[in-house]
Amino acid sequence: MDNKIISKKFNIVSLAPSYVASYLQQFSETVREALRVTSIHAEHEYLQAALEKQAKGETHFYLIITDQSQQVIGAVEIRQPEQSRGQLYTWLNESYWGRGIFQHMIREVAADYFAQTHKPYFDATVETNNQRSYRALKKAGFADLGIQEGAWEKNYVLILRNKNTTPY
């Protein structure tokens, strides 16, 4: 993403070193547990690797920033396809849950990603016990492809197709 995406209540920007401290501050215990992240240090290392991958064009990493305070309140990463997990990595600070921000940010990020890459789709996996994320992705336009065995338990496999490309 070259420019930021401006929305009514938040902006979406590319991951940059200047946002790492705010990211880690808002990456709450609730979010860490849901994503099975062992520590802030582990997430910091993940961010450093993501910055390197982003510089090589191997990932698309977006941050959701509040319009007023310029705090990071969430993130969306669309990775290269991998076998053990979906391409989509997301989180939103729980203070912002239930406001429709997640669906809106996914739609905005997907539009930017598809415009840049011209890929036909990207996928996501969600643990079957994570109904909140499953419902949010469905509301954002993802299609459910069924359930498969995952790294820790069974996962829903979802896909978001690029409506501007021909079907694969």
Protein backbone atom coordinates (compact mmCIF):
# COMPACT_ATOMS: atom_id res chain seq x y z
CA MET A 1 0.00 0.00 0.00
CA ASP A 2 1.48 3.30 -1.05
CA ASN A 3 -0.98 5.64 0.66
CA LYS A 4 -3.11 5.30 3.70
CA ILE A 5 -6.74 4.33 3.40
CA ILE A 6 -8.87 6.93 5.16
CA SER A 7 -12.16 5.94 6.74
CA LYS A 8 -14.64 7.78 8.95
CA LYS A 9 -13.29 6.58 12.30
CA PHE A 10 -9.93 5.06 11.50
CA ASN A 11 -7.15 4.93 8.94
CA ILE A 12 -5.34 1.96 7.48
CA VAL A 13 -1.58 2.24 6.94
CA SER A 14 1.25 -0.13 6.10
CA LEU A 15 3.29 -1.63 8.90
CA ALA A 16 6.24 0.66 9.64
CA PRO A 17 8.83 0.70 12.45
CA SER A 18 7.33 3.91 13.84
CA TYR A 19 4.11 2.05 14.74
CA VAL A 20 5.65 -0.95 16.52
CA ALA A 21 5.45 0.49 20.06
CA SER A 22 1.78 1.44 19.66
CA TYR A 23 1.04 -1.97 18.10
CA LEU A 24 2.57 -3.82 21.04
CA GLN A 25 0.83 -1.56 23.57
CA GLN A 26 -2.63 -2.29 22.08
CA PHE A 27 -1.90 -6.01 21.51
CA SER A 28 -3.70 -6.94 24.70
CA GLU A 29 -3.63 -10.09 26.81
CA THR A 30 -7.08 -11.03 25.45
CA VAL A 31 -5.85 -10.76 21.87
CA ARG A 32 -2.59 -12.60 22.64
CA GLU A 33 -4.49 -15.50 24.19
CA ALA A 34 -6.93 -15.71 21.28
CA LEU A 35 -4.04 -15.81 18.79
CA ARG A 36 -1.93 -18.14 20.95
CA VAL A 37 0.94 -15.66 21.10
CA THR A 38 3.17 -16.53 24.05
CA SER A 39 4.53 -13.05 24.80
CA ILE A 40 4.92 -9.48 23.66
CA HIS A 41 8.55 -10.36 22.86
CA ALA A 42 7.37 -13.12 20.49
CA GLU A 43 5.02 -10.67 18.74
CA HIS A 44 7.82 -8.10 18.49
CA GLU A 45 9.96 -10.71 16.73
CA TYR A 46 7.02 -11.53 14.45
CA LEU A 47 6.71 -7.83 13.54
CA GLN A 48 10.43 -7.57 12.76
CA ALA A 49 10.15 -10.57 10.43
CA ALA A 50 6.99 -9.09 8.87
CA LEU A 51 8.82 -5.82 8.17
CA GLU A 52 11.53 -7.76 6.34
CA LYS A 53 8.98 -9.81 4.38
CA GLN A 54 7.02 -6.67 3.51
CA ALA A 55 10.17 -5.03 2.15
CA LYS A 56 10.60 -8.05 -0.15
CA GLY A 57 6.95 -8.02 -1.21
CA GLU A 58 6.28 -11.35 0.54
CA THR A 59 3.47 -10.05 2.77
CA HIS A 60 0.94 -7.25 2.90
CA PHE A 61 0.70 -5.95 6.47
CA TYR A 62 -1.81 -3.24 7.36
CA LEU A 63 -2.36 -1.43 10.65
CA ILE A 64 -5.65 0.06 11.78
CA ILE A 65 -5.07 3.46 13.37
CA THR A 66 -7.63 5.59 15.21
CA ASP A 67 -8.33 8.84 13.44
CA GLN A 68 -8.08 10.93 16.61
CA SER A 69 -5.34 9.43 18.78
CA GLN A 70 -3.29 7.78 16.01
CA GLN A 71 -3.10 4.63 18.16
CA VAL A 72 -2.85 1.22 16.50
CA ILE A 73 -6.06 -0.65 17.35
CA GLY A 74 -5.64 -3.66 15.10
CA ALA A 75 -3.84 -5.29 12.21
CA VAL A 76 -4.48 -7.28 9.06
CA GLU A 77 -1.79 -9.29 7.34
CA ILE A 78 -2.27 -11.18 4.09
CA ARG A 79 0.59 -13.66 3.79
CA GLN A 80 1.77 -15.89 0.99
CA PRO A 81 -0.20 -19.15 0.83
CA GLU A 82 0.94 -21.68 3.41
CA GLN A 83 -0.21 -25.22 4.07
CA SER A 84 -0.63 -25.14 7.84
CA ARG A 85 -2.62 -21.90 8.22
CA GLY A 86 -4.58 -19.43 6.18
CA GLN A 87 -3.13 -16.38 4.57
CA LEU A 88 -5.07 -13.97 6.75
CA TYR A 89 -3.79 -12.83 10.16
CA THR A 90 -5.96 -10.29 12.00
CA TRP A 91 -6.59 -8.80 15.38
CA LEU A 92 -8.59 -5.92 16.77
CA ASN A 93 -8.25 -4.61 20.32
CA GLU A 94 -11.28 -5.79 22.29
CA SER A 95 -12.25 -2.20 23.16
CA TYR A 96 -13.35 -1.90 19.51
CA TRP A 97 -15.21 -5.22 19.15
CA GLY A 98 -18.87 -5.16 18.13
CA ARG A 99 -18.73 -1.86 16.21
CA GLY A 100 -18.43 -3.21 12.66
CA ILE A 101 -14.83 -1.99 12.39
CA PHE A 102 -13.48 -5.48 11.67
CA GLN A 103 -15.71 -6.07 8.64
CA HIS A 104 -15.05 -2.59 7.32
CA MET A 105 -11.26 -2.93 7.67
CA ILE A 106 -11.27 -6.35 5.98
CA ARG A 107 -13.22 -4.95 3.02
CA GLU A 108 -10.87 -1.97 2.67
CA VAL A 109 -7.73 -4.09 3.00
CA ALA A 110 -9.05 -6.71 0.56
CA ALA A 111 -9.81 -4.03 -2.05
CA ASP A 112 -6.28 -2.62 -1.70
CA TYR A 113 -4.67 -6.08 -1.76
CA PHE A 114 -6.57 -7.20 -4.85
CA ALA A 115 -5.84 -3.90 -6.64
CA GLN A 116 -2.12 -4.33 -5.97
CA THR A 117 -1.73 -8.05 -6.61
CA HIS A 118 -4.55 -8.99 -9.02
CA LYS A 119 -4.70 -12.32 -7.15
CA PRO A 120 -7.96 -14.27 -7.56
CA TYR A 121 -8.48 -14.83 -3.81
CA PHE A 122 -6.96 -15.18 -0.35
CA ASP A 123 -7.95 -17.57 2.39
CA ALA A 124 -8.32 -17.67 6.14
CA THR A 125 -8.61 -20.37 8.77
CA VAL A 126 -10.52 -19.89 12.01
CA GLU A 127 -10.65 -22.35 14.88
CA THR A 128 -14.15 -23.80 15.20
CA ASN A 129 -14.47 -22.48 18.76
CA ASN A 130 -13.85 -18.89 17.56
CA GLN A 131 -17.39 -18.08 16.47
CA ARG A 132 -16.88 -14.31 16.78
CA SER A 133 -14.14 -14.26 14.11
CA TYR A 134 -16.00 -16.76 11.94
CA ARG A 135 -19.15 -14.62 11.90
CA ALA A 136 -17.14 -11.43 11.29
CA LEU A 137 -15.38 -12.95 8.26
CA LYS A 138 -18.68 -14.23 6.87
CA LYS A 139 -20.17 -10.73 7.25
CA ALA A 140 -17.11 -9.33 5.46
CA GLY A 141 -17.88 -11.51 2.43
CA PHE A 142 -15.85 -14.67 2.96
CA ALA A 143 -17.27 -17.99 1.73
CA ASP A 144 -17.06 -21.04 4.00
CA LEU A 145 -15.25 -23.95 2.32
CA GLY A 146 -15.75 -26.39 5.19
CA ILE A 147 -13.81 -27.71 8.18
CA GLN A 148 -10.33 -29.22 8.18
CA GLU A 149 -7.80 -30.38 10.76
CA GLY A 150 -5.65 -27.49 11.96
CA ALA A 151 -2.47 -27.05 13.99
CA TRP A 152 -4.32 -27.11 17.34
CA GLU A 153 -7.82 -28.24 16.47
CA LYS A 154 -10.36 -28.23 13.65
CA ASN A 155 -10.60 -25.02 11.61
CA TYR A 156 -13.13 -23.41 9.34
CA VAL A 157 -11.54 -22.67 5.97
CA LEU A 158 -12.83 -19.48 4.40
CA ILE A 159 -12.02 -17.72 1.14
CA LEU A 160 -12.51 -14.20 -0.17
CA ARG A 161 -12.56 -14.02 -3.94
CA ASN A 162 -11.47 -11.04 -6.00
CA LYS A 163 -14.60 -10.04 -7.88
CA ASN A 164 -12.49 -8.23 -10.49
CA THR A 165 -10.77 -11.37 -11.79
CA THR A 166 -12.10 -14.31 -13.72
CA PRO A 167 -12.95 -17.42 -11.68
CA TYR A 168 -10.12 -19.90 -11.23
